[in-house]
Amino acid sequence: MWEYKCDQVNTVEEIDELLDDIYKMRYESLVNGGEYSVGNLVFKELRNHGKLKELKDKKIEIENDDMSLN
């Protein structure tokens, strides 16, 4: 589900919102369930599969395109 969401975002706002949701999920999961909680494990899978980097790179690419002269 989370990987699908990562592939569906197309704007800086959507990327920021998704990243916020992912980091919030991880934080709440760590606080409530510890290192092996589901939210933390999902975060680690997204990170290990490169999805977080892809989101950040896509955000930079969109921002660069918006700032470039045509």
N, C-alpha and C. Protein backbone atom coordinates (compact mmCIF):
# COMPACT_ATOMS: atom_id res chain seq x y z
N MET A 1 0.82 -1.19 0.00
CA MET A 1 0.00 0.00 0.00
C MET A 1 0.87 1.26 0.00
N TRP A 2 1.84 1.32 0.87
CA TRP A 2 2.68 2.52 0.96
C TRP A 2 3.52 2.68 -0.30
N GLU A 3 4.03 1.58 -0.87
CA GLU A 3 4.82 1.69 -2.09
C GLU A 3 3.95 2.20 -3.24
N TYR A 4 2.70 1.75 -3.28
CA TYR A 4 1.76 2.24 -4.29
C TYR A 4 1.54 3.74 -4.14
N LYS A 5 1.35 4.18 -2.90
CA LYS A 5 1.17 5.62 -2.66
C LYS A 5 2.39 6.41 -3.11
N CYS A 6 3.57 5.86 -2.87
CA CYS A 6 4.81 6.53 -3.26
C CYS A 6 4.87 6.72 -4.78
N ASP A 7 4.33 5.76 -5.51
CA ASP A 7 4.37 5.83 -6.97
C ASP A 7 3.29 6.75 -7.54
N GLN A 8 2.30 7.14 -6.75
CA GLN A 8 1.16 7.90 -7.25
C GLN A 8 1.27 9.41 -7.05
N VAL A 9 2.21 9.87 -6.25
CA VAL A 9 2.30 11.31 -5.98
C VAL A 9 2.95 12.04 -7.15
N ASN A 10 2.46 13.26 -7.43
CA ASN A 10 2.95 13.99 -8.59
C ASN A 10 3.25 15.45 -8.33
N THR A 11 2.97 15.94 -7.13
CA THR A 11 3.26 17.34 -6.83
C THR A 11 4.11 17.42 -5.57
N VAL A 12 4.74 18.55 -5.39
CA VAL A 12 5.56 18.77 -4.20
C VAL A 12 4.71 18.65 -2.94
N GLU A 13 3.51 19.19 -3.01
CA GLU A 13 2.61 19.14 -1.84
C GLU A 13 2.25 17.70 -1.48
N GLU A 14 1.94 16.91 -2.50
CA GLU A 14 1.60 15.50 -2.25
C GLU A 14 2.79 14.73 -1.67
N ILE A 15 3.97 15.01 -2.20
CA ILE A 15 5.18 14.36 -1.70
C ILE A 15 5.44 14.75 -0.26
N ASP A 16 5.34 16.04 0.03
CA ASP A 16 5.55 16.50 1.41
C ASP A 16 4.55 15.86 2.37
N GLU A 17 3.30 15.79 1.95
CA GLU A 17 2.26 15.20 2.80
C GLU A 17 2.53 13.70 3.03
N LEU A 18 2.91 13.00 1.99
CA LEU A 18 3.19 11.57 2.12
C LEU A 18 4.40 11.33 3.01
N LEU A 19 5.47 12.10 2.80
CA LEU A 19 6.65 11.95 3.65
C LEU A 19 6.31 12.26 5.11
N ASP A 20 5.53 13.30 5.34
CA ASP A 20 5.10 13.61 6.70
C ASP A 20 4.33 12.45 7.32
N ASP A 21 3.42 11.85 6.54
CA ASP A 21 2.64 10.72 7.03
C ASP A 21 3.53 9.52 7.36
N ILE A 22 4.51 9.27 6.52
CA ILE A 22 5.42 8.14 6.74
C ILE A 22 6.24 8.35 8.01
N TYR A 23 6.82 9.54 8.15
CA TYR A 23 7.64 9.82 9.33
C TYR A 23 6.79 9.86 10.60
N LYS A 24 5.57 10.37 10.50
CA LYS A 24 4.67 10.40 11.66
C LYS A 24 4.29 8.98 12.06
N MET A 25 3.98 8.13 11.07
CA MET A 25 3.65 6.74 11.34
C MET A 25 4.81 6.05 12.06
N ARG A 26 6.02 6.29 11.59
CA ARG A 26 7.19 5.66 12.21
C ARG A 26 7.36 6.14 13.64
N TYR A 27 7.26 7.45 13.85
CA TYR A 27 7.45 8.00 15.19
C TYR A 27 6.43 7.42 16.18
N GLU A 28 5.15 7.47 15.78
CA GLU A 28 4.09 6.97 16.67
C GLU A 28 4.26 5.47 16.94
N SER A 29 4.69 4.76 15.92
CA SER A 29 4.89 3.33 16.07
C SER A 29 6.05 3.02 17.02
N LEU A 30 7.13 3.78 16.90
CA LEU A 30 8.27 3.59 17.80
C LEU A 30 7.89 3.90 19.24
N VAL A 31 7.14 4.98 19.43
CA VAL A 31 6.74 5.38 20.78
C VAL A 31 5.83 4.33 21.40
N ASN A 32 4.90 3.81 20.62
CA ASN A 32 3.90 2.90 21.17
C ASN A 32 4.31 1.43 21.13
N GLY A 33 5.13 1.05 20.15
CA GLY A 33 5.40 -0.37 19.99
C GLY A 33 6.86 -0.78 19.99
N GLY A 34 7.75 0.19 19.92
CA GLY A 34 9.16 -0.14 19.94
C GLY A 34 9.74 -0.41 18.56
N GLU A 35 10.97 -0.90 18.57
CA GLU A 35 11.75 -1.06 17.35
C GLU A 35 11.12 -2.03 16.35
N TYR A 36 10.43 -3.05 16.84
CA TYR A 36 9.87 -4.06 15.95
C TYR A 36 8.38 -3.85 15.67
N SER A 37 7.91 -2.65 15.88
CA SER A 37 6.51 -2.34 15.59
C SER A 37 6.30 -2.27 14.08
N VAL A 38 5.07 -2.46 13.68
CA VAL A 38 4.72 -2.53 12.26
C VAL A 38 5.11 -1.25 11.52
N GLY A 39 4.78 -0.10 12.10
CA GLY A 39 5.09 1.17 11.43
C GLY A 39 6.57 1.37 11.20
N ASN A 40 7.38 0.98 12.15
CA ASN A 40 8.83 1.11 11.99
C ASN A 40 9.35 0.14 10.93
N LEU A 41 8.81 -1.07 10.93
CA LEU A 41 9.24 -2.05 9.93
C LEU A 41 8.83 -1.63 8.52
N VAL A 42 7.64 -1.03 8.40
CA VAL A 42 7.21 -0.51 7.09
C VAL A 42 8.15 0.59 6.64
N PHE A 43 8.48 1.50 7.55
CA PHE A 43 9.41 2.58 7.22
C PHE A 43 10.73 2.01 6.72
N LYS A 44 11.26 1.01 7.43
CA LYS A 44 12.55 0.42 7.04
C LYS A 44 12.47 -0.24 5.67
N GLU A 45 11.35 -0.89 5.37
CA GLU A 45 11.18 -1.49 4.05
C GLU A 45 11.16 -0.43 2.96
N LEU A 46 10.42 0.66 3.20
CA LEU A 46 10.39 1.75 2.22
C LEU A 46 11.78 2.33 2.00
N ARG A 47 12.50 2.51 3.08
CA ARG A 47 13.86 3.05 2.98
C ARG A 47 14.77 2.08 2.24
N ASN A 48 14.70 0.79 2.60
CA ASN A 48 15.58 -0.20 1.99
C ASN A 48 15.28 -0.43 0.52
N HIS A 49 14.04 -0.23 0.11
CA HIS A 49 13.68 -0.36 -1.30
C HIS A 49 13.89 0.94 -2.08
N GLY A 50 14.38 1.97 -1.40
CA GLY A 50 14.72 3.22 -2.07
C GLY A 50 13.54 4.15 -2.32
N LYS A 51 12.39 3.84 -1.74
CA LYS A 51 11.20 4.66 -1.99
C LYS A 51 11.32 6.06 -1.39
N LEU A 52 11.92 6.18 -0.21
CA LEU A 52 12.07 7.50 0.41
C LEU A 52 13.00 8.36 -0.43
N LYS A 53 14.10 7.77 -0.91
CA LYS A 53 15.03 8.51 -1.76
C LYS A 53 14.35 8.91 -3.07
N GLU A 54 13.56 7.99 -3.64
CA GLU A 54 12.83 8.32 -4.87
C GLU A 54 11.90 9.51 -4.67
N LEU A 55 11.19 9.53 -3.54
CA LEU A 55 10.29 10.64 -3.26
C LEU A 55 11.05 11.95 -3.14
N LYS A 56 12.15 11.92 -2.41
CA LYS A 56 12.95 13.14 -2.23
C LYS A 56 13.55 13.60 -3.54
N ASP A 57 14.04 12.66 -4.36
CA ASP A 57 14.60 13.01 -5.66
C ASP A 57 13.53 13.57 -6.59
N LYS A 58 12.35 12.97 -6.55
CA LYS A 58 11.24 13.44 -7.39
C LYS A 58 10.83 14.86 -6.99
N LYS A 59 10.84 15.13 -5.69
CA LYS A 59 10.51 16.47 -5.21
C LYS A 59 11.52 17.49 -5.74
N ILE A 60 12.78 17.15 -5.67
CA ILE A 60 13.83 18.04 -6.17
C ILE A 60 13.68 18.26 -7.67
N GLU A 61 13.38 17.19 -8.40
CA GLU A 61 13.20 17.30 -9.84
C GLU A 61 12.04 18.22 -10.19
N ILE A 62 10.93 18.07 -9.49
CA ILE A 62 9.76 18.93 -9.74
C ILE A 62 10.10 20.38 -9.41
N GLU A 63 10.76 20.61 -8.29
CA GLU A 63 11.14 21.97 -7.92
C GLU A 63 12.09 22.58 -8.93
N ASN A 64 13.04 21.80 -9.41
CA ASN A 64 13.97 22.30 -10.43
C ASN A 64 13.26 22.64 -11.72
N ASP A 65 12.34 21.78 -12.12
CA ASP A 65 11.56 22.06 -13.34
C ASP A 65 10.74 23.34 -13.20
N ASP A 66 10.18 23.55 -12.02
CA ASP A 66 9.39 24.75 -11.78
C ASP A 66 10.24 26.01 -11.80
N MET A 67 11.49 25.89 -11.39
CA MET A 67 12.37 27.05 -11.31
C MET A 67 13.14 27.33 -12.60
N SER A 68 13.20 26.36 -13.48
CA SER A 68 14.01 26.53 -14.69
C SER A 68 13.34 27.48 -15.68
N LEU A 69 14.18 28.10 -16.47
CA LEU A 69 13.68 28.98 -17.52
C LEU A 69 13.38 28.16 -18.76
N ASN A 70 12.28 28.46 -19.39
CA ASN A 70 11.91 27.73 -20.60
C ASN A 70 12.30 28.49 -21.83
